[in-house]
C-alpha cells in the first residue's frame, strides 16, 4: 500500500486501486482494507521513511541542497506538508 501511495502520488484511497493487487471485487472492500492499514498503530512511519530519505539524500553530501515546502490545510483539521528537493 505504501507503493500504491507513492505510485499514485495521491492521498485519495480510491486512486490506489490500480496499484494494489487484490481479490476484492468491490471498491469499498479495498478502501476499508486501506483504511485499516492507515489506522494501524503498529506501523512506525519514522522507521520506514527516515532510512528512505537518508538513502535518497546520501548522494548530495558535498553539494548544496535546495528545498521547497508547501502546506495545505485539510478540513480545518490537518496540515499536509510537502517538502521537495529542487533540482
C-alpha atoms as a PDB file:
ATOM      1  CA  UNK A   1       0.000   0.000   0.000  1.00  0.00           C
ATOM      2  CA  UNK A   2       2.917   2.307   0.550  1.00  0.00           C
ATOM      3  CA  UNK A   3       3.963   1.646  -3.040  1.00  0.00           C
ATOM      4  CA  UNK A   4       0.416   2.464  -4.204  1.00  0.00           C
ATOM      5  CA  UNK A   5       0.618   5.785  -2.370  1.00  0.00           C
ATOM      6  CA  UNK A   6       3.960   6.563  -3.989  1.00  0.00           C
ATOM      7  CA  UNK A   7       2.889   5.436  -7.481  1.00  0.00           C
ATOM      8  CA  UNK A   8      -0.451   7.255  -7.462  1.00  0.00           C
ATOM      9  CA  UNK A   9       1.035  10.381  -5.851  1.00  0.00           C
ATOM     10  CA  UNK A  10      -2.347  10.947  -4.194  1.00  0.00           C
ATOM     11  CA  UNK A  11      -3.769  10.668  -0.700  1.00  0.00           C
ATOM     12  CA  UNK A  12      -7.116   9.597  -2.146  1.00  0.00           C
ATOM     13  CA  UNK A  13      -7.590   5.905  -1.297  1.00  0.00           C
ATOM     14  CA  UNK A  14      -9.582   5.269  -4.487  1.00  0.00           C
ATOM     15  CA  UNK A  15      -6.553   6.351  -6.554  1.00  0.00           C
ATOM     16  CA  UNK A  16      -4.515   3.495  -5.064  1.00  0.00           C
ATOM     17  CA  UNK A  17      -6.681   0.748  -6.584  1.00  0.00           C
ATOM     18  CA  UNK A  18      -4.743   0.264  -9.871  1.00  0.00           C
ATOM     19  CA  UNK A  19      -1.502  -0.205  -7.916  1.00  0.00           C
ATOM     20  CA  UNK A  20      -2.639  -2.855  -5.408  1.00  0.00           C
ATOM     21  CA  UNK A  21      -3.335  -6.443  -6.440  1.00  0.00           C
ATOM     22  CA  UNK A  22      -6.305  -7.809  -4.531  1.00  0.00           C
ATOM     23  CA  UNK A  23      -9.078 -10.358  -4.806  1.00  0.00           C
ATOM     24  CA  UNK A  24     -11.593  -7.733  -3.672  1.00  0.00           C
ATOM     25  CA  UNK A  25     -14.387  -7.226  -6.175  1.00  0.00           C
ATOM     26  CA  UNK A  26     -15.825  -4.028  -4.733  1.00  0.00           C
ATOM     27  CA  UNK A  27     -14.047  -0.708  -4.354  1.00  0.00           C
ATOM     28  CA  UNK A  28     -15.434  -0.310  -0.827  1.00  0.00           C
ATOM     29  CA  UNK A  29     -13.697  -3.548   0.252  1.00  0.00           C
ATOM     30  CA  UNK A  30     -10.336  -2.248  -0.909  1.00  0.00           C
ATOM     31  CA  UNK A  31     -10.870   1.148   0.667  1.00  0.00           C
ATOM     32  CA  UNK A  32     -11.861  -0.420   4.014  1.00  0.00           C
ATOM     33  CA  UNK A  33      -8.705  -2.542   3.877  1.00  0.00           C
ATOM     34  CA  UNK A  34      -6.546   0.519   3.187  1.00  0.00           C
ATOM     35  CA  UNK A  35      -8.276   2.461   5.971  1.00  0.00           C
ATOM     36  CA  UNK A  36      -7.436  -0.344   8.421  1.00  0.00           C
ATOM     37  CA  UNK A  37      -3.833  -0.128   7.209  1.00  0.00           C
ATOM     38  CA  UNK A  38      -3.783   3.638   7.787  1.00  0.00           C
ATOM     39  CA  UNK A  39      -5.229   3.235  11.299  1.00  0.00           C
ATOM     40  CA  UNK A  40      -2.746   0.505  12.299  1.00  0.00           C
ATOM     41  CA  UNK A  41      -0.794   1.867  15.264  1.00  0.00           C
ATOM     42  CA  UNK A  42       1.913  -0.812  14.834  1.00  0.00           C
ATOM     43  CA  UNK A  43       3.162   0.861  11.645  1.00  0.00           C
ATOM     44  CA  UNK A  44       6.001   3.194  12.587  1.00  0.00           C
ATOM     45  CA  UNK A  45       6.279   5.839   9.882  1.00  0.00           C
ATOM     46  CA  UNK A  46       9.677   7.090  11.002  1.00  0.00           C
ATOM     47  CA  UNK A  47      11.115   3.568  10.872  1.00  0.00           C
ATOM     48  CA  UNK A  48      10.061   3.355   7.216  1.00  0.00           C
ATOM     49  CA  UNK A  49      10.759   6.830   5.883  1.00  0.00           C
ATOM     50  CA  UNK A  50      13.831   8.048   7.769  1.00  0.00           C
ATOM     51  CA  UNK A  51      16.116   5.382   6.202  1.00  0.00           C
ATOM     52  CA  UNK A  52      14.482   6.022   2.803  1.00  0.00           C
ATOM     53  CA  UNK A  53      15.090   9.777   2.982  1.00  0.00           C
ATOM     54  CA  UNK A  54      18.646   9.321   4.264  1.00  0.00           C
ATOM     55  CA  UNK A  55      19.444   6.948   1.393  1.00  0.00           C
ATOM     56  CA  UNK A  56      17.937   9.348  -1.155  1.00  0.00           C
ATOM     57  CA  UNK A  57      19.919  12.295   0.214  1.00  0.00           C
ATOM     58  CA  UNK A  58      23.233  10.456   0.596  1.00  0.00           C
ATOM     59  CA  UNK A  59      24.315  11.417  -2.932  1.00  0.00           C
ATOM     60  CA  UNK A  60      24.163  15.109  -2.063  1.00  0.00           C
ATOM     61  CA  UNK A  61      26.637  15.018   0.810  1.00  0.00           C
ATOM     62  CA  UNK A  62      29.064  17.565  -0.717  1.00  0.00           C
ATOM     63  CA  UNK A  63      26.564  19.727  -2.608  1.00  0.00           C
ATOM     64  CA  UNK A  64      24.180  22.477  -1.580  1.00  0.00           C
ATOM     65  CA  UNK A  65      20.653  21.153  -1.267  1.00  0.00           C
ATOM     66  CA  UNK A  66      17.685  23.392  -2.090  1.00  0.00           C
ATOM     67  CA  UNK A  67      14.318  22.533  -0.581  1.00  0.00           C
ATOM     68  CA  UNK A  68      10.848  23.850  -1.343  1.00  0.00           C
ATOM     69  CA  UNK A  69       7.997  23.492   1.123  1.00  0.00           C
ATOM     70  CA  UNK A  70       4.267  23.910   0.724  1.00  0.00           C
ATOM     71  CA  UNK A  71       1.465  23.451   3.231  1.00  0.00           C
ATOM     72  CA  UNK A  72      -2.173  22.623   2.674  1.00  0.00           C
ATOM     73  CA  UNK A  73      -4.821  22.651   5.407  1.00  0.00           C
ATOM     74  CA  UNK A  74      -7.398  19.891   5.027  1.00  0.00           C
ATOM     75  CA  UNK A  75     -10.852  20.226   6.586  1.00  0.00           C
ATOM     76  CA  UNK A  76      -9.545  22.810   9.084  1.00  0.00           C
ATOM     77  CA  UNK A  77      -8.057  19.870  10.969  1.00  0.00           C
ATOM     78  CA  UNK A  78      -4.973  18.503   9.254  1.00  0.00           C
ATOM     79  CA  UNK A  79      -1.957  20.264   7.825  1.00  0.00           C
ATOM     80  CA  UNK A  80      -0.286  18.398   4.969  1.00  0.00           C
ATOM     81  CA  UNK A  81       3.304  19.486   4.397  1.00  0.00           C
ATOM     82  CA  UNK A  82       5.011  18.868   1.058  1.00  0.00           C
ATOM     83  CA  UNK A  83       8.786  19.052   1.095  1.00  0.00           C
ATOM     84  CA  UNK A  84      10.545  18.777  -2.257  1.00  0.00           C
ATOM     85  CA  UNK A  85      14.134  18.777  -3.416  1.00  0.00           C
ATOM     86  CA  UNK A  86      14.670  21.424  -6.106  1.00  0.00           C
ATOM     87  CA  UNK A  87      16.962  20.113  -8.834  1.00  0.00           C
END
